[in-house]
Protein backbone atom coordinates (compact mmCIF):
# COMPACT_ATOMS: atom_id res chain seq x y z
CA MET A 1 0.91 -27.76 -19.02
CA SER A 2 -2.66 -27.40 -19.16
CA ASN A 3 -4.72 -24.13 -18.82
CA ILE A 4 -5.74 -25.09 -15.29
CA ASP A 5 -2.22 -25.67 -14.29
CA HIS A 6 -1.25 -22.34 -15.96
CA CYS A 7 -4.17 -20.35 -13.83
CA LEU A 8 -2.91 -22.09 -10.69
CA GLU A 9 0.45 -21.47 -11.20
CA ARG A 10 -0.48 -17.85 -11.90
CA LEU A 11 -2.87 -17.42 -8.92
CA ALA A 12 -0.01 -18.75 -6.82
CA LEU A 13 2.23 -16.20 -7.76
CA LEU A 14 -0.21 -13.80 -7.27
CA ASP A 15 -1.17 -14.69 -4.11
CA ARG A 16 2.79 -14.71 -3.12
CA ALA A 17 3.28 -10.89 -4.41
CA ASP A 18 -0.35 -9.83 -2.60
CA ARG A 19 1.25 -11.35 0.89
CA LEU A 20 4.53 -9.45 0.45
CA LEU A 21 2.85 -6.25 -0.49
CA ASN A 22 0.70 -6.49 2.63
CA GLU A 23 3.45 -7.25 4.72
CA VAL A 24 5.00 -3.81 3.52
CA ARG A 25 1.88 -1.94 4.47
CA VAL A 26 1.58 -3.91 7.69
CA TYR A 27 4.92 -3.71 9.01
CA GLY A 28 6.13 -0.43 7.33
CA HIS A 29 6.62 1.69 10.43
CA HIS A 30 8.88 -0.35 13.02
CA GLY A 31 12.53 0.33 13.26
CA ALA A 32 14.97 2.87 11.56
CA MET A 33 13.62 4.56 8.77
CA ARG A 34 16.88 3.11 6.63
CA ASP A 35 16.32 -0.35 7.69
CA THR A 36 12.50 0.08 6.95
CA LEU A 37 13.19 1.47 3.38
CA ALA A 38 15.67 -1.14 2.90
CA ARG A 39 13.37 -3.89 3.84
CA HIS A 40 10.39 -2.47 1.74
CA ARG A 41 12.68 -2.45 -1.55
CA LEU A 42 13.62 -6.32 -0.65
CA LEU A 43 9.86 -6.87 -0.36
CA LEU A 44 8.88 -4.68 -3.35
CA GLY A 45 11.49 -6.37 -5.55
CA GLU A 46 10.48 -9.88 -4.56
CA ALA A 47 6.69 -9.05 -5.12
CA ARG A 48 7.71 -7.68 -8.53
CA ARG A 49 9.42 -10.99 -9.45
CA HIS A 50 6.29 -12.71 -8.67
CA LEU A 51 4.11 -10.39 -10.58
CA ASP A 52 6.42 -10.55 -13.60
CA SER A 53 6.57 -14.40 -13.37
CA ALA A 54 2.60 -14.78 -13.33
CA SER A 55 2.26 -12.51 -16.14
CA SER A 56 4.22 -14.76 -18.20
CA VAL A 57 2.79 -18.14 -17.01
CA GLY A 58 1.08 -19.43 -20.21
CA ARG A 59 2.86 -17.41 -22.87
CA GLY A 60 6.27 -19.31 -22.80
CA GLY A 61 8.23 -16.90 -20.88
């Protein structure tokens, strides 16, 4: 994979993580607190996976 491809893949993963984190901030105050916290955990976990993937792009990870 070329450097440009690595950069584009990394940007796409970071963009997905950013969208998920924005969703946590924007939609964080709806419904029961337990449901909100569970949703936040799921979104943050998914965002973390995208960030981890983005950091490993181009390093053979």
